[in-house]
């Protein structure tokens, strides 16, 4: 059974830092990319950052220079280091994994972890 589990969310003051972690299990094929997405109350889910297996990264403009995504291919884990947090970063953060199985790209999602940034 494919499962992604996030951890590291919580309450932090503006200007503070948090590190999110996500571990993927049950995926027997190499993961080609992982990413973090977020959904704030009343808003649509949006991309935060993605990273490919070779290490290419992509960030939303809103987090560039503040967030850093990294991936441990051997452990099927992805991390999101979030610095200089702002109240507008408050959201449920979910991780995503993309992998090739049977010639078809598939993706899996975690349940999410809540990040709350107080002003």
N, C-alpha and C. Protein backbone atom coordinates (compact mmCIF):
# COMPACT_ATOMS: atom_id res chain seq x y z
N UNK A 1 0.85 -1.19 0.00
CA UNK A 1 0.00 0.00 0.00
C UNK A 1 0.88 1.24 0.00
N UNK A 2 0.65 2.12 -0.97
CA UNK A 2 1.43 3.36 -1.06
C UNK A 2 0.95 4.33 0.01
N UNK A 3 1.90 4.90 0.72
CA UNK A 3 1.55 5.82 1.80
C UNK A 3 2.60 6.90 1.90
N UNK A 4 2.14 8.14 2.04
CA UNK A 4 3.02 9.27 2.32
C UNK A 4 2.60 9.88 3.64
N UNK A 5 3.55 10.10 4.51
CA UNK A 5 3.26 10.64 5.83
C UNK A 5 4.13 11.85 6.08
N UNK A 6 3.47 12.97 6.35
CA UNK A 6 4.17 14.22 6.65
C UNK A 6 4.32 14.41 8.16
N UNK A 7 5.32 15.18 8.53
CA UNK A 7 5.51 15.56 9.92
C UNK A 7 6.25 16.89 9.98
N UNK A 8 6.20 17.51 11.15
CA UNK A 8 6.96 18.74 11.35
C UNK A 8 6.14 20.00 11.39
N UNK A 9 4.85 19.91 11.13
CA UNK A 9 4.03 21.11 11.19
C UNK A 9 3.84 21.59 12.62
N UNK A 10 3.26 22.77 12.74
CA UNK A 10 3.01 23.30 14.08
C UNK A 10 2.77 24.79 14.04
N UNK A 11 2.81 25.38 15.23
CA UNK A 11 2.58 26.82 15.39
C UNK A 11 3.92 27.52 15.58
N UNK A 12 4.13 28.58 14.82
CA UNK A 12 5.38 29.32 14.91
C UNK A 12 5.08 30.81 14.73
N UNK A 13 5.88 31.65 15.33
CA UNK A 13 5.71 33.09 15.17
C UNK A 13 6.29 33.55 13.84
N UNK A 14 5.77 34.63 13.35
CA UNK A 14 6.29 35.21 12.12
C UNK A 14 7.79 35.45 12.26
N UNK A 15 8.53 35.12 11.20
CA UNK A 15 9.98 35.23 11.23
C UNK A 15 10.68 33.96 11.66
N UNK A 16 9.91 33.01 12.17
CA UNK A 16 10.49 31.76 12.64
C UNK A 16 10.70 30.75 11.52
N UNK A 17 11.10 29.54 11.93
CA UNK A 17 11.41 28.48 10.97
C UNK A 17 10.75 27.17 11.36
N UNK A 18 10.48 26.36 10.39
CA UNK A 18 10.00 25.01 10.58
C UNK A 18 10.61 24.12 9.50
N UNK A 19 10.75 22.85 9.81
CA UNK A 19 11.23 21.88 8.83
C UNK A 19 10.21 20.77 8.71
N UNK A 20 9.65 20.61 7.54
CA UNK A 20 8.70 19.55 7.27
C UNK A 20 9.42 18.34 6.67
N UNK A 21 8.93 17.16 7.02
CA UNK A 21 9.47 15.93 6.48
C UNK A 21 8.33 15.09 5.92
N UNK A 22 8.63 14.29 4.94
CA UNK A 22 7.64 13.39 4.35
C UNK A 22 8.35 12.10 3.94
N UNK A 23 7.80 10.98 4.35
CA UNK A 23 8.36 9.69 3.97
C UNK A 23 7.34 8.93 3.15
N UNK A 24 7.80 8.35 2.06
CA UNK A 24 6.95 7.55 1.18
C UNK A 24 7.26 6.08 1.40
N UNK A 25 6.22 5.28 1.54
CA UNK A 25 6.41 3.84 1.70
C UNK A 25 5.47 3.11 0.76
N UNK A 26 5.83 1.85 0.47
CA UNK A 26 4.97 1.04 -0.38
C UNK A 26 5.14 1.30 -1.86
N UNK A 27 6.10 2.16 -2.23
CA UNK A 27 6.35 2.43 -3.65
C UNK A 27 7.56 1.60 -4.06
N UNK A 28 7.35 0.63 -4.93
CA UNK A 28 8.41 -0.29 -5.30
C UNK A 28 9.17 0.14 -6.54
N UNK A 29 8.80 1.28 -7.10
CA UNK A 29 9.47 1.82 -8.28
C UNK A 29 10.24 3.07 -7.87
N UNK A 30 11.28 3.43 -8.60
CA UNK A 30 12.00 4.66 -8.26
C UNK A 30 11.09 5.88 -8.35
N UNK A 31 11.15 6.72 -7.35
CA UNK A 31 10.38 7.95 -7.35
C UNK A 31 11.09 8.96 -8.25
N UNK A 32 10.37 9.52 -9.20
CA UNK A 32 10.99 10.45 -10.15
C UNK A 32 10.99 11.89 -9.64
N UNK A 33 10.03 12.22 -8.81
CA UNK A 33 9.96 13.58 -8.29
C UNK A 33 9.09 13.60 -7.04
N UNK A 34 9.37 14.55 -6.17
CA UNK A 34 8.53 14.77 -5.00
C UNK A 34 8.30 16.26 -4.85
N UNK A 35 7.26 16.59 -4.14
CA UNK A 35 6.96 18.01 -4.00
C UNK A 35 6.12 18.30 -2.79
N UNK A 36 6.04 19.59 -2.49
CA UNK A 36 5.20 20.10 -1.41
C UNK A 36 4.16 21.04 -2.00
N UNK A 37 2.93 20.89 -1.54
CA UNK A 37 1.84 21.76 -1.93
C UNK A 37 1.17 22.25 -0.65
N UNK A 38 0.43 23.33 -0.76
CA UNK A 38 -0.26 23.84 0.42
C UNK A 38 -1.65 24.34 0.05
N UNK A 39 -2.52 24.30 1.04
CA UNK A 39 -3.87 24.80 0.85
C UNK A 39 -4.27 25.59 2.09
N UNK A 40 -4.48 26.88 1.87
CA UNK A 40 -4.93 27.75 2.95
C UNK A 40 -6.45 27.72 3.02
N UNK A 41 -7.02 28.07 4.16
CA UNK A 41 -8.49 28.06 4.29
C UNK A 41 -9.15 28.93 3.22
N UNK A 42 -10.12 28.35 2.53
CA UNK A 42 -10.85 29.08 1.52
C UNK A 42 -10.13 29.27 0.21
N UNK A 43 -8.96 28.67 0.08
CA UNK A 43 -8.19 28.83 -1.15
C UNK A 43 -7.92 27.48 -1.80
N UNK A 44 -7.53 27.52 -3.06
CA UNK A 44 -7.18 26.29 -3.76
C UNK A 44 -5.78 25.84 -3.38
N UNK A 45 -5.53 24.56 -3.56
CA UNK A 45 -4.19 24.03 -3.30
C UNK A 45 -3.21 24.62 -4.32
N UNK A 46 -2.04 24.96 -3.85
CA UNK A 46 -1.03 25.55 -4.72
C UNK A 46 0.32 24.88 -4.53
N UNK A 47 1.11 24.93 -5.57
CA UNK A 47 2.45 24.36 -5.51
C UNK A 47 3.35 25.23 -4.63
N UNK A 48 4.16 24.58 -3.82
CA UNK A 48 5.16 25.28 -3.01
C UNK A 48 6.54 25.06 -3.62
N UNK A 49 6.90 23.79 -3.78
CA UNK A 49 8.21 23.45 -4.33
C UNK A 49 8.21 22.00 -4.79
N UNK A 50 8.99 21.74 -5.81
CA UNK A 50 9.17 20.37 -6.28
C UNK A 50 10.65 20.10 -6.49
N UNK A 51 10.99 18.82 -6.47
CA UNK A 51 12.37 18.41 -6.71
C UNK A 51 12.35 17.09 -7.48
N UNK A 52 13.20 16.98 -8.49
CA UNK A 52 13.29 15.75 -9.25
C UNK A 52 14.40 14.87 -8.67
N UNK A 53 14.38 13.62 -9.08
CA UNK A 53 15.37 12.66 -8.57
C UNK A 53 16.82 13.14 -8.78
N UNK A 54 17.12 13.73 -9.96
CA UNK A 54 18.50 14.25 -10.14
C UNK A 54 18.80 15.50 -9.32
N UNK A 55 17.76 16.11 -8.74
CA UNK A 55 17.99 17.26 -7.87
C UNK A 55 17.57 18.61 -8.42
N UNK A 56 16.85 18.63 -9.52
CA UNK A 56 16.37 19.90 -10.06
C UNK A 56 15.19 20.38 -9.22
N UNK A 57 15.20 21.65 -8.86
CA UNK A 57 14.17 22.19 -7.99
C UNK A 57 13.37 23.29 -8.67
N UNK A 58 12.16 23.49 -8.17
CA UNK A 58 11.27 24.53 -8.67
C UNK A 58 10.50 25.07 -7.48
N UNK A 59 10.41 26.40 -7.40
CA UNK A 59 9.74 27.02 -6.25
C UNK A 59 8.66 27.99 -6.71
N UNK A 60 7.61 28.12 -5.93
CA UNK A 60 6.64 29.18 -6.14
C UNK A 60 7.32 30.51 -5.82
N UNK A 61 6.94 31.54 -6.56
CA UNK A 61 7.55 32.86 -6.35
C UNK A 61 7.41 33.31 -4.90
N UNK A 62 6.30 32.96 -4.27
CA UNK A 62 6.02 33.44 -2.91
C UNK A 62 6.99 32.90 -1.87
N UNK A 63 7.69 31.81 -2.20
CA UNK A 63 8.57 31.20 -1.20
C UNK A 63 10.04 31.20 -1.60
N UNK A 64 10.34 31.69 -2.79
CA UNK A 64 11.72 31.70 -3.25
C UNK A 64 12.59 32.51 -2.30
N UNK A 65 13.73 31.94 -1.96
CA UNK A 65 14.66 32.61 -1.06
C UNK A 65 14.37 32.36 0.41
N UNK A 66 13.22 31.78 0.72
CA UNK A 66 12.86 31.49 2.11
C UNK A 66 12.75 30.00 2.38
N UNK A 67 12.27 29.24 1.41
CA UNK A 67 12.07 27.80 1.57
C UNK A 67 13.10 27.04 0.76
N UNK A 68 13.49 25.87 1.26
CA UNK A 68 14.42 25.00 0.55
C UNK A 68 13.89 23.58 0.58
N UNK A 69 13.76 22.98 -0.59
CA UNK A 69 13.33 21.59 -0.68
C UNK A 69 14.54 20.70 -0.91
N UNK A 70 14.52 19.53 -0.29
CA UNK A 70 15.59 18.56 -0.51
C UNK A 70 14.99 17.16 -0.47
N UNK A 71 15.73 16.22 -1.02
CA UNK A 71 15.20 14.86 -1.16
C UNK A 71 16.28 13.85 -0.85
N UNK A 72 15.93 12.82 -0.14
CA UNK A 72 16.83 11.69 0.13
C UNK A 72 16.29 10.52 -0.67
N UNK A 73 16.91 10.27 -1.82
CA UNK A 73 16.43 9.22 -2.71
C UNK A 73 16.48 7.84 -2.05
N UNK A 74 17.50 7.59 -1.28
CA UNK A 74 17.66 6.28 -0.66
C UNK A 74 16.56 5.99 0.35
N UNK A 75 16.09 7.04 1.00
CA UNK A 75 15.07 6.85 2.05
C UNK A 75 13.66 7.19 1.56
N UNK A 76 13.53 7.62 0.30
CA UNK A 76 12.22 8.05 -0.22
C UNK A 76 11.62 9.14 0.67
N UNK A 77 12.45 10.11 1.01
CA UNK A 77 12.00 11.20 1.86
C UNK A 77 12.22 12.54 1.18
N UNK A 78 11.35 13.47 1.48
CA UNK A 78 11.48 14.84 1.01
C UNK A 78 11.31 15.77 2.20
N UNK A 79 12.07 16.85 2.19
CA UNK A 79 12.06 17.80 3.28
C UNK A 79 11.75 19.20 2.76
N UNK A 80 11.20 20.03 3.62
CA UNK A 80 10.99 21.43 3.27
C UNK A 80 11.44 22.28 4.45
N UNK A 81 12.55 22.97 4.27
CA UNK A 81 13.03 23.89 5.28
C UNK A 81 12.39 25.24 5.01
N UNK A 82 11.65 25.73 5.98
CA UNK A 82 10.92 26.99 5.82
C UNK A 82 11.48 28.02 6.80
N UNK A 83 12.04 29.07 6.27
CA UNK A 83 12.60 30.16 7.07
C UNK A 83 11.83 31.45 6.82
N UNK A 84 12.01 32.40 7.72
CA UNK A 84 11.36 33.70 7.58
C UNK A 84 9.87 33.55 7.30
N UNK A 85 9.22 32.72 8.08
CA UNK A 85 7.81 32.43 7.85
C UNK A 85 6.94 33.66 8.05
N UNK A 86 5.88 33.74 7.26
CA UNK A 86 4.94 34.84 7.29
C UNK A 86 3.54 34.29 7.61
N UNK A 87 2.67 35.13 8.15
CA UNK A 87 1.29 34.65 8.41
C UNK A 87 0.62 34.08 7.16
N UNK A 88 0.95 34.61 6.01
CA UNK A 88 0.32 34.11 4.78
C UNK A 88 0.84 32.74 4.36
N UNK A 89 1.82 32.22 5.07
CA UNK A 89 2.29 30.84 4.83
C UNK A 89 1.42 29.82 5.57
N UNK A 90 0.50 30.29 6.38
CA UNK A 90 -0.39 29.40 7.12
C UNK A 90 -1.23 28.57 6.16
N UNK A 91 -1.15 27.25 6.31
CA UNK A 91 -1.85 26.35 5.38
C UNK A 91 -1.61 24.91 5.83
N UNK A 92 -2.36 24.01 5.21
CA UNK A 92 -2.06 22.59 5.33
C UNK A 92 -1.09 22.24 4.21
N UNK A 93 0.07 21.71 4.59
CA UNK A 93 1.11 21.36 3.64
C UNK A 93 1.07 19.85 3.38
N UNK A 94 0.99 19.49 2.11
CA UNK A 94 0.92 18.08 1.73
C UNK A 94 2.09 17.74 0.80
N UNK A 95 2.59 16.54 0.94
CA UNK A 95 3.65 16.12 0.03
C UNK A 95 3.09 15.20 -1.05
N UNK A 96 3.81 15.15 -2.12
CA UNK A 96 3.40 14.42 -3.31
C UNK A 96 4.60 13.67 -3.86
N UNK A 97 4.36 12.46 -4.35
CA UNK A 97 5.43 11.68 -4.97
C UNK A 97 4.95 11.20 -6.34
N UNK A 98 5.82 11.33 -7.33
CA UNK A 98 5.51 10.87 -8.68
C UNK A 98 6.45 9.73 -9.06
N UNK A 99 5.89 8.66 -9.60
CA UNK A 99 6.72 7.52 -9.95
C UNK A 99 6.17 6.84 -11.19
N UNK A 100 7.06 6.13 -11.88
CA UNK A 100 6.69 5.44 -13.13
C UNK A 100 6.46 3.97 -12.81
N UNK A 101 5.25 3.52 -13.07
CA UNK A 101 4.91 2.13 -12.80
C UNK A 101 4.16 1.57 -14.00
N UNK A 102 4.69 0.49 -14.59
CA UNK A 102 4.02 -0.11 -15.73
C UNK A 102 3.91 0.84 -16.91
N UNK A 103 4.89 1.72 -17.07
CA UNK A 103 4.87 2.64 -18.19
C UNK A 103 3.95 3.83 -18.02
N UNK A 104 3.35 3.97 -16.85
CA UNK A 104 2.41 5.05 -16.58
C UNK A 104 2.89 5.83 -15.36
N UNK A 105 2.89 7.17 -15.48
CA UNK A 105 3.25 7.97 -14.32
C UNK A 105 2.09 7.98 -13.34
N UNK A 106 2.41 7.72 -12.11
CA UNK A 106 1.41 7.71 -11.05
C UNK A 106 1.86 8.68 -9.97
N UNK A 107 0.93 9.11 -9.16
CA UNK A 107 1.28 9.99 -8.06
C UNK A 107 0.54 9.59 -6.80
N UNK A 108 1.15 9.93 -5.69
CA UNK A 108 0.56 9.64 -4.39
C UNK A 108 0.64 10.91 -3.53
N UNK A 109 -0.31 11.03 -2.60
CA UNK A 109 -0.40 12.21 -1.76
C UNK A 109 -0.46 11.83 -0.29
N UNK A 110 0.11 12.69 0.53
CA UNK A 110 -0.03 12.53 1.97
C UNK A 110 -1.28 13.24 2.46
N UNK A 111 -1.58 13.07 3.75
CA UNK A 111 -2.78 13.67 4.33
C UNK A 111 -2.57 15.13 4.67
N UNK A 112 -1.33 15.53 4.84
CA UNK A 112 -1.05 16.93 5.13
C UNK A 112 -0.69 17.18 6.59
N UNK A 113 0.04 18.26 6.79
CA UNK A 113 0.39 18.70 8.14
C UNK A 113 0.15 20.21 8.20
N UNK A 114 -0.45 20.64 9.31
CA UNK A 114 -0.86 22.04 9.43
C UNK A 114 0.29 22.91 9.91
N UNK A 115 0.50 23.99 9.19
CA UNK A 115 1.48 25.01 9.59
C UNK A 115 0.71 26.29 9.87
N UNK A 116 0.88 26.81 11.08
CA UNK A 116 0.21 28.04 11.47
C UNK A 116 1.27 29.06 11.87
N UNK A 117 1.25 30.22 11.21
CA UNK A 117 2.22 31.27 11.50
C UNK A 117 1.47 32.45 12.11
N UNK A 118 1.81 32.76 13.34
CA UNK A 118 1.14 33.85 14.04
C UNK A 118 1.90 35.16 13.82
N UNK A 119 1.14 36.24 13.81
CA UNK A 119 1.76 37.57 13.59
C UNK A 119 2.19 38.22 14.89
